[in-house]
C-alpha atoms as a PDB file:
ATOM      1  CA  MET A   1     -28.392  -9.926-195.850  1.00  0.00           C
ATOM      2  CA  VAL A   2     -27.072  -6.750-194.869  1.00  0.00           C
ATOM      3  CA  VAL A   3     -29.907  -3.720-193.668  1.00  0.00           C
ATOM      4  CA  VAL A   4     -28.923  -0.545-194.968  1.00  0.00           C
ATOM      5  CA  TYR A   5     -30.407   3.216-193.781  1.00  0.00           C
ATOM      6  CA  ALA A   6     -29.832   6.419-194.627  1.00  0.00           C
ATOM      7  CA  GLY A   7     -26.746   7.865-192.978  1.00  0.00           C
ATOM      8  CA  ALA A   8     -25.062   4.460-192.350  1.00  0.00           C
ATOM      9  CA  MET A   9     -21.033   4.480-192.787  1.00  0.00           C
ATOM     10  CA  ALA A  10     -20.293   3.611-196.888  1.00  0.00           C
ATOM     11  CA  LEU A  11     -17.068   1.230-194.700  1.00  0.00           C
ATOM     12  CA  ASP A  12     -19.362  -0.878-192.323  1.00  0.00           C
ATOM     13  CA  ILE A  13     -21.020  -2.137-195.626  1.00  0.00           C
ATOM     14  CA  THR A  14     -19.002  -2.057-198.534  1.00  0.00           C
ATOM     15  CA  GLY A  15     -15.769  -3.775-196.427  1.00  0.00           C
ATOM     16  CA  PRO A  16     -17.210  -7.135-195.354  1.00  0.00           C
ATOM     17  CA  ILE A  17     -18.731  -7.343-198.770  1.00  0.00           C
ATOM     18  CA  GLU A  18     -15.753  -7.267-200.457  1.00  0.00           C
ATOM     19  CA  VAL A  19     -14.279  -9.944-198.417  1.00  0.00           C
ATOM     20  CA  PHE A  20     -17.205 -12.059-198.881  1.00  0.00           C
ATOM     21  CA  ASP A  21     -17.095 -11.446-202.723  1.00  0.00           C
ATOM     22  CA  THR A  22     -13.071 -12.262-202.682  1.00  0.00           C
ATOM     23  CA  ALA A  23     -13.985 -15.215-200.606  1.00  0.00           C
ATOM     24  CA  ASN A  24     -16.310 -16.559-203.524  1.00  0.00           C
ATOM     25  CA  ARG A  25     -13.822 -15.998-205.984  1.00  0.00           C
ATOM     26  CA  LEU A  26     -11.045 -18.136-204.657  1.00  0.00           C
ATOM     27  CA  LEU A  27     -13.419 -20.970-203.406  1.00  0.00           C
ATOM     28  CA  PRO A  28     -13.507 -23.983-205.553  1.00  0.00           C
ATOM     29  CA  PRO A  29     -16.054 -24.250-207.510  1.00  0.00           C
ATOM     30  CA  SER A  30     -17.622 -27.078-205.347  1.00  0.00           C
ATOM     31  CA  ALA A  31     -18.193 -24.620-202.828  1.00  0.00           C
ATOM     32  CA  GLY A  32     -21.079 -22.816-202.051  1.00  0.00           C
ATOM     33  CA  PRO A  33     -20.408 -19.056-202.641  1.00  0.00           C
ATOM     34  CA  TYR A  34     -21.574 -16.001-200.541  1.00  0.00           C
ATOM     35  CA  ARG A  35     -24.696 -14.441-201.606  1.00  0.00           C
ATOM     36  CA  VAL A  36     -24.839 -11.093-200.322  1.00  0.00           C
ATOM     37  CA  GLU A  37     -28.575  -8.816-200.254  1.00  0.00           C
ATOM     38  CA  LEU A  38     -29.058  -5.691-199.489  1.00  0.00           C
ATOM     39  CA  VAL A  39     -32.539  -4.467-197.677  1.00  0.00           C
ATOM     40  CA  SER A  40     -33.604  -1.308-196.897  1.00  0.00           C
ATOM     41  CA  ALA A  41     -36.440   0.687-195.583  1.00  0.00           C
ATOM     42  CA  ASP A  42     -34.875   3.710-197.568  1.00  0.00           C
ATOM     43  CA  ALA A  43     -34.972   1.487-200.909  1.00  0.00           C
ATOM     44  CA  PRO A  44     -34.494   1.291-203.813  1.00  0.00           C
ATOM     45  CA  LEU A  45     -31.384   3.829-203.880  1.00  0.00           C
ATOM     46  CA  VAL A  46     -29.846   5.167-200.038  1.00  0.00           C
ATOM     47  CA  ARG A  47     -27.135   7.384-199.299  1.00  0.00           C
ATOM     48  CA  THR A  48     -24.414   7.297-197.391  1.00  0.00           C
ATOM     49  CA  SER A  49     -22.784   9.101-194.611  1.00  0.00           C
ATOM     50  CA  SER A  50     -20.419   9.581-197.218  1.00  0.00           C
ATOM     51  CA  GLY A  51     -22.293  10.260-200.325  1.00  0.00           C
ATOM     52  CA  VAL A  52     -21.982   7.024-201.679  1.00  0.00           C
ATOM     53  CA  SER A  53     -25.482   5.688-202.848  1.00  0.00           C
ATOM     54  CA  VAL A  54     -26.289   1.925-202.588  1.00  0.00           C
ATOM     55  CA  GLU A  55     -28.324   0.027-204.036  1.00  0.00           C
ATOM     56  CA  ALA A  56     -30.978  -1.866-201.840  1.00  0.00           C
ATOM     57  CA  SER A  57     -34.320  -4.015-202.293  1.00  0.00           C
ATOM     58  CA  PRO A  58     -37.395  -2.824-199.525  1.00  0.00           C
ATOM     59  CA  LEU A  59     -37.136  -4.664-196.169  1.00  0.00           C
ATOM     60  CA  GLU A  60     -40.419  -7.229-197.437  1.00  0.00           C
ATOM     61  CA  ALA A  61     -37.946  -8.788-199.621  1.00  0.00           C
ATOM     62  CA  GLY A  62     -36.070  -9.896-196.998  1.00  0.00           C
ATOM     63  CA  ARG A  63     -38.023 -13.243-196.255  1.00  0.00           C
ATOM     64  CA  GLY A  64     -37.357 -16.553-195.347  1.00  0.00           C
ATOM     65  CA  PRO A  65     -34.135 -17.898-193.780  1.00  0.00           C
ATOM     66  CA  ILE A  66     -31.154 -15.860-193.483  1.00  0.00           C
ATOM     67  CA  ASP A  67     -27.903 -17.336-192.980  1.00  0.00           C
ATOM     68  CA  THR A  68     -25.643 -13.849-191.958  1.00  0.00           C
ATOM     69  CA  LEU A  69     -27.599 -10.654-191.015  1.00  0.00           C
ATOM     70  CA  LEU A  70     -25.063  -7.472-190.920  1.00  0.00           C
ATOM     71  CA  VAL A  71     -26.050  -4.297-189.334  1.00  0.00           C
ATOM     72  CA  PRO A  72     -23.755  -1.075-190.432  1.00  0.00           C
ATOM     73  CA  GLY A  73     -23.216   1.669-187.723  1.00  0.00           C
ATOM     74  CA  GLY A  74     -22.901   5.084-188.858  1.00  0.00           C
ATOM     75  CA  TRP A  75     -23.040   9.007-188.345  1.00  0.00           C
ATOM     76  CA  SER A  76     -27.416   8.281-188.644  1.00  0.00           C
ATOM     77  CA  LEU A  77     -27.161   5.997-185.770  1.00  0.00           C
ATOM     78  CA  SER A  78     -29.909   8.226-183.313  1.00  0.00           C
ATOM     79  CA  GLU A  79     -31.630   8.597-185.766  1.00  0.00           C
ATOM     80  CA  ALA A  80     -31.883   4.640-186.956  1.00  0.00           C
ATOM     81  CA  LEU A  81     -32.578   3.770-183.247  1.00  0.00           C
ATOM     82  CA  ARG A  82     -35.431   5.944-183.367  1.00  0.00           C
ATOM     83  CA  ASP A  83     -36.671   3.829-186.269  1.00  0.00           C
ATOM     84  CA  GLN A  84     -39.161   1.496-184.731  1.00  0.00           C
ATOM     85  CA  THR A  85     -39.796  -0.158-188.000  1.00  0.00           C
ATOM     86  CA  LEU A  86     -36.100  -1.011-188.775  1.00  0.00           C
ATOM     87  CA  VAL A  87     -36.177  -1.903-184.447  1.00  0.00           C
ATOM     88  CA  SER A  88     -38.443  -4.318-185.025  1.00  0.00           C
ATOM     89  CA  TRP A  89     -37.647  -5.782-188.517  1.00  0.00           C
ATOM     90  CA  ILE A  90     -33.942  -6.376-187.034  1.00  0.00           C
ATOM     91  CA  GLY A  91     -35.489  -8.231-184.067  1.00  0.00           C
ATOM     92  CA  ARG A  92     -37.697 -10.291-186.223  1.00  0.00           C
ATOM     93  CA  ALA A  93     -34.897 -11.166-188.915  1.00  0.00           C
ATOM     94  CA  ALA A  94     -32.838 -12.280-186.170  1.00  0.00           C
ATOM     95  CA  ALA A  95     -35.206 -14.631-184.958  1.00  0.00           C
ATOM     96  CA  ARG A  96     -34.711 -16.201-188.760  1.00  0.00           C
ATOM     97  CA  SER A  97     -31.136 -16.019-188.822  1.00  0.00           C
ATOM     98  CA  ARG A  98     -28.066 -18.524-188.670  1.00  0.00           C
ATOM     99  CA  ARG A  99     -25.960 -16.158-186.975  1.00  0.00           C
ATOM    100  CA  VAL A 100     -26.129 -11.996-186.441  1.00  0.00           C
ATOM    101  CA  THR A 101     -23.679  -9.760-187.181  1.00  0.00           C
ATOM    102  CA  SER A 102     -22.976  -5.810-186.611  1.00  0.00           C
ATOM    103  CA  VAL A 103     -20.317  -3.312-187.520  1.00  0.00           C
ATOM    104  CA  CYS A 104     -19.117  -0.339-185.532  1.00  0.00           C
ATOM    105  CA  GLY A 105     -22.452   1.272-184.132  1.00  0.00           C
ATOM    106  CA  GLY A 106     -24.602  -1.383-185.591  1.00  0.00           C
ATOM    107  CA  SER A 107     -24.361  -2.746-181.817  1.00  0.00           C
ATOM    108  CA  PHE A 108     -26.993   0.092-180.494  1.00  0.00           C
ATOM    109  CA  LEU A 109     -29.506  -1.069-183.179  1.00  0.00           C
ATOM    110  CA  LEU A 110     -28.862  -4.846-182.010  1.00  0.00           C
ATOM    111  CA  ALA A 111     -29.190  -3.514-178.448  1.00  0.00           C
ATOM    112  CA  GLU A 112     -32.329  -1.685-179.079  1.00  0.00           C
ATOM    113  CA  ALA A 113     -33.763  -4.738-180.138  1.00  0.00           C
ATOM    114  CA  GLY A 114     -33.165  -6.721-177.469  1.00  0.00           C
ATOM    115  CA  LEU A 115     -31.245  -9.412-178.777  1.00  0.00           C
ATOM    116  CA  LEU A 116     -27.952  -8.315-176.774  1.00  0.00           C
ATOM    117  CA  ASP A 117     -29.158  -8.251-173.003  1.00  0.00           C
ATOM    118  CA  GLY A 118     -27.238 -11.247-170.948  1.00  0.00           C
ATOM    119  CA  ARG A 119     -24.579 -11.256-173.781  1.00  0.00           C
ATOM    120  CA  ARG A 120     -20.989  -9.706-174.400  1.00  0.00           C
ATOM    121  CA  ALA A 121     -20.697  -7.255-177.188  1.00  0.00           C
ATOM    122  CA  THR A 122     -18.425  -4.227-178.478  1.00  0.00           C
ATOM    123  CA  THR A 123     -18.834  -1.309-180.399  1.00  0.00           C
ATOM    124  CA  HIS A 124     -16.256   1.561-181.171  1.00  0.00           C
ATOM    125  CA  TRP A 125     -14.055   2.467-178.354  1.00  0.00           C
ATOM    126  CA  ALA A 126     -15.566   5.996-178.788  1.00  0.00           C
ATOM    127  CA  TYR A 127     -18.833   5.202-177.535  1.00  0.00           C
ATOM    128  CA  CYS A 128     -18.628   1.421-175.268  1.00  0.00           C
ATOM    129  CA  GLU A 129     -19.320   3.767-171.923  1.00  0.00           C
ATOM    130  CA  ALA A 130     -22.670   5.155-174.174  1.00  0.00           C
ATOM    131  CA  MET A 131     -23.490   2.116-174.819  1.00  0.00           C
ATOM    132  CA  ALA A 132     -23.095   0.315-171.467  1.00  0.00           C
ATOM    133  CA  ARG A 133     -24.965   3.487-170.187  1.00  0.00           C
ATOM    134  CA  ARG A 134     -27.928   2.808-172.343  1.00  0.00           C
ATOM    135  CA  TYR A 135     -28.281  -1.081-172.400  1.00  0.00           C
ATOM    136  CA  PRO A 136     -27.389  -1.769-168.723  1.00  0.00           C
ATOM    137  CA  ASP A 137     -28.442  -5.810-169.582  1.00  0.00           C
ATOM    138  CA  VAL A 138     -25.498  -5.574-172.276  1.00  0.00           C
ATOM    139  CA  LYS A 139     -22.115  -6.855-170.885  1.00  0.00           C
ATOM    140  CA  VAL A 140     -19.521  -4.081-173.276  1.00  0.00           C
ATOM    141  CA  ASP A 141     -16.209  -5.152-173.520  1.00  0.00           C
ATOM    142  CA  ALA A 142     -14.209  -1.815-174.929  1.00  0.00           C
ATOM    143  CA  GLU A 143     -10.905  -3.762-176.037  1.00  0.00           C
ATOM    144  CA  PRO A 144     -11.694  -6.704-179.090  1.00  0.00           C
ATOM    145  CA  ILE A 145     -11.908  -5.536-182.157  1.00  0.00           C
ATOM    146  CA  PHE A 146     -14.694  -7.955-182.471  1.00  0.00           C
ATOM    147  CA  VAL A 147     -16.637 -10.726-179.747  1.00  0.00           C
ATOM    148  CA  TRP A 148     -18.666 -13.703-181.073  1.00  0.00           C
ATOM    149  CA  ASP A 149     -20.915 -14.445-178.086  1.00  0.00           C
ATOM    150  CA  GLY A 150     -23.441 -17.493-179.706  1.00  0.00           C
ATOM    151  CA  PRO A 151     -25.023 -16.479-183.431  1.00  0.00           C
ATOM    152  CA  PHE A 152     -24.091 -12.596-182.602  1.00  0.00           C
ATOM    153  CA  VAL A 153     -20.834 -11.439-183.251  1.00  0.00           C
ATOM    154  CA  THR A 154     -20.503  -7.659-182.788  1.00  0.00           C
ATOM    155  CA  SER A 155     -16.949  -5.947-184.541  1.00  0.00           C
ATOM    156  CA  ALA A 156     -15.391  -2.268-182.603  1.00  0.00           C
ATOM    157  CA  GLY A 157     -15.129   0.975-185.113  1.00  0.00           C
ATOM    158  CA  VAL A 158     -15.111   0.867-188.938  1.00  0.00           C
ATOM    159  CA  SER A 159     -12.632  -1.277-190.360  1.00  0.00           C
ATOM    160  CA  THR A 160     -12.829  -3.886-187.565  1.00  0.00           C
ATOM    161  CA  GLY A 161     -15.865  -5.591-189.981  1.00  0.00           C
ATOM    162  CA  ILE A 162     -13.572  -6.666-192.162  1.00  0.00           C
ATOM    163  CA  ASP A 163     -12.086  -8.410-189.873  1.00  0.00           C
ATOM    164  CA  MET A 164     -15.295  -9.899-188.460  1.00  0.00           C
ATOM    165  CA  ALA A 165     -15.768 -10.932-191.967  1.00  0.00           C
ATOM    166  CA  LEU A 166     -12.617 -12.830-192.289  1.00  0.00           C
ATOM    167  CA  ALA A 167     -13.606 -14.851-188.834  1.00  0.00           C
ATOM    168  CA  LEU A 168     -16.580 -15.435-190.786  1.00  0.00           C
ATOM    169  CA  VAL A 169     -15.177 -16.987-193.757  1.00  0.00           C
ATOM    170  CA  GLU A 170     -12.553 -18.988-191.584  1.00  0.00           C
ATOM    171  CA  ALA A 171     -15.500 -20.329-189.815  1.00  0.00           C
ATOM    172  CA  ASP A 172     -17.170 -21.076-192.896  1.00  0.00           C
ATOM    173  CA  HIS A 173     -14.333 -22.298-195.063  1.00  0.00           C
ATOM    174  CA  GLY A 174     -11.388 -22.916-192.810  1.00  0.00           C
ATOM    175  CA  ALA A 175      -8.343 -20.500-192.087  1.00  0.00           C
ATOM    176  CA  ALA A 176      -6.621 -21.215-195.226  1.00  0.00           C
ATOM    177  CA  LEU A 177      -9.452 -19.784-197.505  1.00  0.00           C
ATOM    178  CA  ALA A 178      -9.641 -16.746-194.946  1.00  0.00           C
ATOM    179  CA  LEU A 179      -6.335 -15.732-194.920  1.00  0.00           C
ATOM    180  CA  GLU A 180      -5.604 -16.181-198.501  1.00  0.00           C
ATOM    181  CA  THR A 181      -8.256 -13.649-199.134  1.00  0.00           C
ATOM    182  CA  ALA A 182      -6.591 -11.491-196.797  1.00  0.00           C
ATOM    183  CA  ARG A 183      -3.541 -11.444-199.040  1.00  0.00           C
ATOM    184  CA  PHE A 184      -5.316 -11.054-201.561  1.00  0.00           C
ATOM    185  CA  LEU A 185      -7.174  -7.872-200.142  1.00  0.00           C
ATOM    186  CA  VAL A 186      -3.378  -7.055-199.330  1.00  0.00           C
ATOM    187  CA  LEU A 187      -4.317  -6.106-195.789  1.00  0.00           C
ATOM    188  CA  PHE A 188      -1.256  -6.459-193.423  1.00  0.00           C
ATOM    189  CA  LEU A 189      -2.678  -9.434-191.123  1.00  0.00           C
ATOM    190  CA  LYS A 190      -5.724 -11.042-190.317  1.00  0.00           C
ATOM    191  CA  ARG A 191      -6.614 -10.093-186.786  1.00  0.00           C
ATOM    192  CA  HIS A 192      -7.601 -12.086-183.962  1.00  0.00           C
ATOM    193  CA  GLY A 193     -11.030 -10.966-182.766  1.00  0.00           C
ATOM    194  CA  GLY A 194      -9.472 -10.718-179.274  1.00  0.00           C
ATOM    195  CA  GLN A 195      -6.790  -8.250-180.439  1.00  0.00           C
ATOM    196  CA  SER A 196      -6.699  -4.542-178.889  1.00  0.00           C
ATOM    197  CA  GLN A 197      -9.168  -2.143-180.469  1.00  0.00           C
ATOM    198  CA  PHE A 198      -6.330   0.326-179.402  1.00  0.00           C
ATOM    199  CA  SER A 199      -3.636  -1.307-181.768  1.00  0.00           C
ATOM    200  CA  ALA A 200       0.443  -0.541-181.063  1.00  0.00           C
ATOM    201  CA  VAL A 201       0.102   2.309-183.116  1.00  0.00           C
ATOM    202  CA  LEU A 202      -2.646   3.889-180.809  1.00  0.00           C
ATOM    203  CA  ASP A 203      -0.651   3.075-177.584  1.00  0.00           C
ATOM    204  CA  ALA A 204       2.423   4.859-179.189  1.00  0.00           C
ATOM    205  CA  GLN A 205       0.512   8.313-179.710  1.00  0.00           C
ATOM    206  CA  LEU A 206       2.329  10.900-177.512  1.00  0.00           C
ATOM    207  CA  ALA A 207       1.032  13.976-175.275  1.00  0.00           C
ATOM    208  CA  ASP A 208       0.880  17.217-176.357  1.00  0.00           C
ATOM    209  CA  HIS A 209       1.982  18.291-172.650  1.00  0.00           C
ATOM    210  CA  PRO A 210       5.616  18.430-173.123  1.00  0.00           C
ATOM    211  CA  PRO A 211       7.103  17.543-170.081  1.00  0.00           C
ATOM    212  CA  ILE A 212       4.817  14.326-170.426  1.00  0.00           C
ATOM    213  CA  ARG A 213       5.591  13.843-174.336  1.00  0.00           C
ATOM    214  CA  ALA A 214       9.390  13.406-172.920  1.00  0.00           C
ATOM    215  CA  ALA A 215       8.400  11.245-170.488  1.00  0.00           C
ATOM    216  CA  GLN A 216       6.918   9.129-172.866  1.00  0.00           C
ATOM    217  CA  GLU A 217       9.616   9.107-175.254  1.00  0.00           C
ATOM    218  CA  TRP A 218      12.126   8.327-172.598  1.00  0.00           C
ATOM    219  CA  ILE A 219       9.329   5.165-171.301  1.00  0.00           C
ATOM    220  CA  LEU A 220       9.609   4.122-175.055  1.00  0.00           C
ATOM    221  CA  ASP A 221      13.250   4.086-175.219  1.00  0.00           C
ATOM    222  CA  ASN A 222      13.740   2.210-171.749  1.00  0.00           C
ATOM    223  CA  LEU A 223      11.639  -0.657-171.969  1.00  0.00           C
ATOM    224  CA  HIS A 224      13.764  -3.027-171.352  1.00  0.00           C
ATOM    225  CA  ASN A 225      14.388  -1.265-167.682  1.00  0.00           C
ATOM    226  CA  PRO A 226      12.570  -1.565-164.605  1.00  0.00           C
ATOM    227  CA  LEU A 227      10.727   1.837-164.889  1.00  0.00           C
ATOM    228  CA  SER A 228       8.657   3.037-161.347  1.00  0.00           C
ATOM    229  CA  VAL A 229       6.454   5.953-161.724  1.00  0.00           C
ATOM    230  CA  ALA A 230       8.922   7.716-159.414  1.00  0.00           C
ATOM    231  CA  ASP A 231      11.539   7.186-162.245  1.00  0.00           C
ATOM    232  CA  ILE A 232       9.506   8.393-164.982  1.00  0.00           C
ATOM    233  CA  ALA A 233       9.057  11.448-162.455  1.00  0.00           C
ATOM    234  CA  ARG A 234      12.100  12.463-162.820  1.00  0.00           C
ATOM    235  CA  ARG A 235      12.306  12.707-166.409  1.00  0.00           C
ATOM    236  CA  ALA A 236       9.774  15.405-166.557  1.00  0.00           C
ATOM    237  CA  ASN A 237      10.838  16.817-163.593  1.00  0.00           C
ATOM    238  CA  MET A 238       7.785  16.405-161.482  1.00  0.00           C
ATOM    239  CA  SER A 239       6.844  14.799-158.041  1.00  0.00           C
ATOM    240  CA  PRO A 240       5.924  11.529-158.257  1.00  0.00           C
ATOM    241  CA  ARG A 241       1.806  12.362-157.110  1.00  0.00           C
ATOM    242  CA  ASN A 242       2.098  15.814-159.307  1.00  0.00           C
ATOM    243  CA  PHE A 243       3.510  13.864-162.302  1.00  0.00           C
ATOM    244  CA  ALA A 244       1.102  10.564-162.047  1.00  0.00           C
ATOM    245  CA  ARG A 245      -2.242  13.382-162.033  1.00  0.00           C
ATOM    246  CA  VAL A 246      -1.230  15.238-165.052  1.00  0.00           C
ATOM    247  CA  PHE A 247       0.128  11.837-166.764  1.00  0.00           C
ATOM    248  CA  ARG A 248      -3.655  10.404-166.604  1.00  0.00           C
ATOM    249  CA  ARG A 249      -5.072  13.744-167.175  1.00  0.00           C
ATOM    250  CA  GLU A 250      -3.115  13.738-170.141  1.00  0.00           C
ATOM    251  CA  VAL A 251      -2.629  10.391-171.621  1.00  0.00           C
ATOM    252  CA  GLY A 252      -6.126   8.773-170.096  1.00  0.00           C
ATOM    253  CA  THR A 253      -4.278   6.319-168.096  1.00  0.00           C
ATOM    254  CA  THR A 254      -2.421   5.934-165.125  1.00  0.00           C
ATOM    255  CA  PRO A 255       1.825   5.538-166.094  1.00  0.00           C
ATOM    256  CA  GLY A 256       1.966   1.735-164.520  1.00  0.00           C
ATOM    257  CA  GLN A 257      -0.824   1.215-167.424  1.00  0.00           C
ATOM    258  CA  TYR A 258       0.649   2.597-170.007  1.00  0.00           C
ATOM    259  CA  VAL A 259       4.012   1.398-169.301  1.00  0.00           C
ATOM    260  CA  GLU A 260       2.457  -2.553-169.190  1.00  0.00           C
ATOM    261  CA  ARG A 261       0.469  -1.686-172.593  1.00  0.00           C
ATOM    262  CA  THR A 262       4.083   0.022-174.152  1.00  0.00           C
ATOM    263  CA  ARG A 263       5.224  -2.693-172.980  1.00  0.00           C
ATOM    264  CA  ILE A 264       2.829  -5.186-174.722  1.00  0.00           C
ATOM    265  CA  ALA A 265       3.021  -3.139-178.021  1.00  0.00           C
ATOM    266  CA  ARG A 266       6.665  -3.595-178.493  1.00  0.00           C
ATOM    267  CA  ALA A 267       6.004  -7.334-177.111  1.00  0.00           C
ATOM    268  CA  ARG A 268       3.871  -7.478-179.724  1.00  0.00           C
ATOM    269  CA  GLU A 269       5.823  -5.865-182.960  1.00  0.00           C
ATOM    270  CA  LEU A 270       8.396  -8.314-181.993  1.00  0.00           C
ATOM    271  CA  LEU A 271       6.858 -11.328-181.883  1.00  0.00           C
ATOM    272  CA  GLU A 272       5.520 -10.491-185.480  1.00  0.00           C
ATOM    273  CA  THR A 273       8.507  -9.800-187.026  1.00  0.00           C
ATOM    274  CA  THR A 274      11.301 -11.470-185.314  1.00  0.00           C
ATOM    275  CA  ASP A 275      12.272 -15.115-184.037  1.00  0.00           C
ATOM    276  CA  LEU A 276      13.319 -13.877-180.596  1.00  0.00           C
ATOM    277  CA  THR A 277      12.714 -16.810-177.552  1.00  0.00           C
ATOM    278  CA  ILE A 278       9.816 -15.738-175.917  1.00  0.00           C
ATOM    279  CA  SER A 279      11.741 -15.620-172.779  1.00  0.00           C
ATOM    280  CA  GLN A 280      14.226 -13.073-174.553  1.00  0.00           C
ATOM    281  CA  ILE A 281      10.873 -11.020-176.155  1.00  0.00           C
ATOM    282  CA  ALA A 282      10.200 -10.669-172.456  1.00  0.00           C
ATOM    283  CA  GLY A 283      13.513  -9.395-171.325  1.00  0.00           C
ATOM    284  CA  ARG A 284      13.411  -6.811-174.101  1.00  0.00           C
ATOM    285  CA  CYS A 285      10.396  -5.886-173.301  1.00  0.00           C
ATOM    286  CA  GLY A 286      11.111  -4.833-169.052  1.00  0.00           C
ATOM    287  CA  PHE A 287       8.988  -8.265-167.796  1.00  0.00           C
ATOM    288  CA  ALA A 288      10.805  -9.525-164.940  1.00  0.00           C
ATOM    289  CA  ALA A 289       9.956 -12.838-165.551  1.00  0.00           C
ATOM    290  CA  PRO A 290       8.646 -14.443-168.521  1.00  0.00           C
ATOM    291  CA  GLU A 291       5.902 -15.668-166.202  1.00  0.00           C
ATOM    292  CA  THR A 292       4.459 -12.486-165.810  1.00  0.00           C
ATOM    293  CA  PHE A 293       4.811 -11.485-169.014  1.00  0.00           C
ATOM    294  CA  PHE A 294       2.353 -14.551-170.305  1.00  0.00           C
ATOM    295  CA  ARG A 295      -0.413 -12.958-167.397  1.00  0.00           C
ATOM    296  CA  SER A 296       0.035  -9.373-168.549  1.00  0.00           C
ATOM    297  CA  PHE A 297      -0.091 -10.426-172.296  1.00  0.00           C
ATOM    298  CA  GLY A 298      -3.201 -12.652-171.746  1.00  0.00           C
ATOM    299  CA  ARG A 299      -5.040 -10.461-169.851  1.00  0.00           C
ATOM    300  CA  THR A 300      -4.468  -7.693-172.891  1.00  0.00           C
ATOM    301  CA  LEU A 301      -5.050  -9.519-175.972  1.00  0.00           C
ATOM    302  CA  GLY A 302      -6.846 -13.309-174.151  1.00  0.00           C
ATOM    303  CA  LEU A 303      -4.126 -14.904-175.951  1.00  0.00           C
ATOM    304  CA  THR A 304      -0.841 -16.587-175.156  1.00  0.00           C
ATOM    305  CA  PRO A 305       2.400 -15.101-176.811  1.00  0.00           C
ATOM    306  CA  LYS A 306       2.864 -18.641-178.683  1.00  0.00           C
ATOM    307  CA  GLU A 307      -0.658 -18.409-180.111  1.00  0.00           C
ATOM    308  CA  TYR A 308      -0.050 -14.372-181.010  1.00  0.00           C
ATOM    309  CA  ARG A 309       2.872 -15.795-182.890  1.00  0.00           C
ATOM    310  CA  HIS A 310       1.321 -18.693-184.520  1.00  0.00           C
ATOM    311  CA  ARG A 311      -1.175 -16.454-185.613  1.00  0.00           C
ATOM    312  CA  PHE A 312       0.549 -12.956-186.918  1.00  0.00           C
ATOM    313  CA  GLN A 313       4.249 -13.454-187.583  1.00  0.00           C
ATOM    314  CA  VAL A 314       4.984 -12.073-191.054  1.00  0.00           C
ATOM    315  CA  ILE A 315       8.364 -13.256-191.327  1.00  0.00           C
ATOM    316  CA  SER A 316      10.004 -16.854-191.080  1.00  0.00           C
ATOM    317  CA  PRO A 317      13.720 -17.402-190.481  1.00  0.00           C
ATOM    318  CA  SER A 318      14.459 -18.199-193.956  1.00  0.00           C
ATOM    319  CA  GLY A 319      12.520 -14.521-194.929  1.00  0.00           C
ATOM    320  CA  LEU A 320       9.840 -15.392-196.204  1.00  0.00           C
ATOM    321  CA  ILE A 321       6.355 -13.691-195.554  1.00  0.00           C
ATOM    322  CA  ASP A 322       3.198 -15.525-193.853  1.00  0.00           C
ATOM    323  CA  ARG A 323       4.736 -19.059-192.400  1.00  0.00           C
ATOM    324  CA  HIS A 324       1.340 -19.748-192.088  1.00  0.00           C
ATOM    325  CA  HIS A 325       0.019 -20.713-195.875  1.00  0.00           C
ATOM    326  CA  GLU A 326       2.535 -22.679-197.707  1.00  0.00           C
ATOM    327  CA  THR A 327       0.547 -22.543-201.238  1.00  0.00           C
ATOM    328  CA  HIS A 328      -0.600 -20.122-203.016  1.00  0.00           C
ATOM    329  CA  ARG A 329      -4.177 -20.672-205.853  1.00  0.00           C
ATOM    330  CA  SER A 330      -4.523 -17.920-207.851  1.00  0.00           C
ATOM    331  CA  PRO A 331      -8.258 -17.019-208.873  1.00  0.00           C
ATOM    332  CA  ALA A 332     -10.069 -18.819-211.533  1.00  0.00           C
END
């Protein structure tokens, strides 16, 4: 059951729904399909933030046991948080739900209803600090794309609701169906919940300040080497102290943290697209020893390099795509 409100983000709603609908089409006839219902205080037609309207039943129609309750985010979240009818309904509905989920800012509504106190949760990276300030009893984790704590599953920004929905399908019907659903939706890969919101693409974004940008480009070209702050600062023609200060201002992190994150991003790429050994990847990414690589990788992603490769490698030695799914069924 999806509870929607005026100004909710359309993709927060439709992304997970498309996952469930696709899974239904791939399920064997003997399996119970997902049945999606939309309810809203703004029924029957609810206008989302993009102007697309969705049809919903009144909140009163959402009676009885609920398997999965899903709460989306949206640009009108501040108004939704002031809607005590909506917040109270979410609290009551959660009590009769097997699991309660949110996409993006929807976790604010769960927290407003008191459902996340003492639990780990996430939201869009841009609002994690605001959520932690507003709800100090919630253990806000800004890194993962989704967090599963007991019956509560909170996902990060917008498209991560699709990743969360795939994880729900996997929990209900197994990894094979989840992977087949991801393939049918032409998703690049099915991301594990521990994967960072800050993807390899985001990690590689370069600063506007020319000396810092030049230093970042040099880092990318020299990840296989030891990279001290003094060495990087020389590339920017700055003193180490001034370089560290300006780098943090321009990039939002320390040079050391940036180097580590960039090494991990490169390692992820090699794990996904090559059959190099773990030791070879550690060396190419500048880790002094495989043990150092293991610790850094686990701290960043919550997975070992071997686990990450098993989940996300997209080529095999034979060149075949997706070594995790050996057979493919056409939808009935």
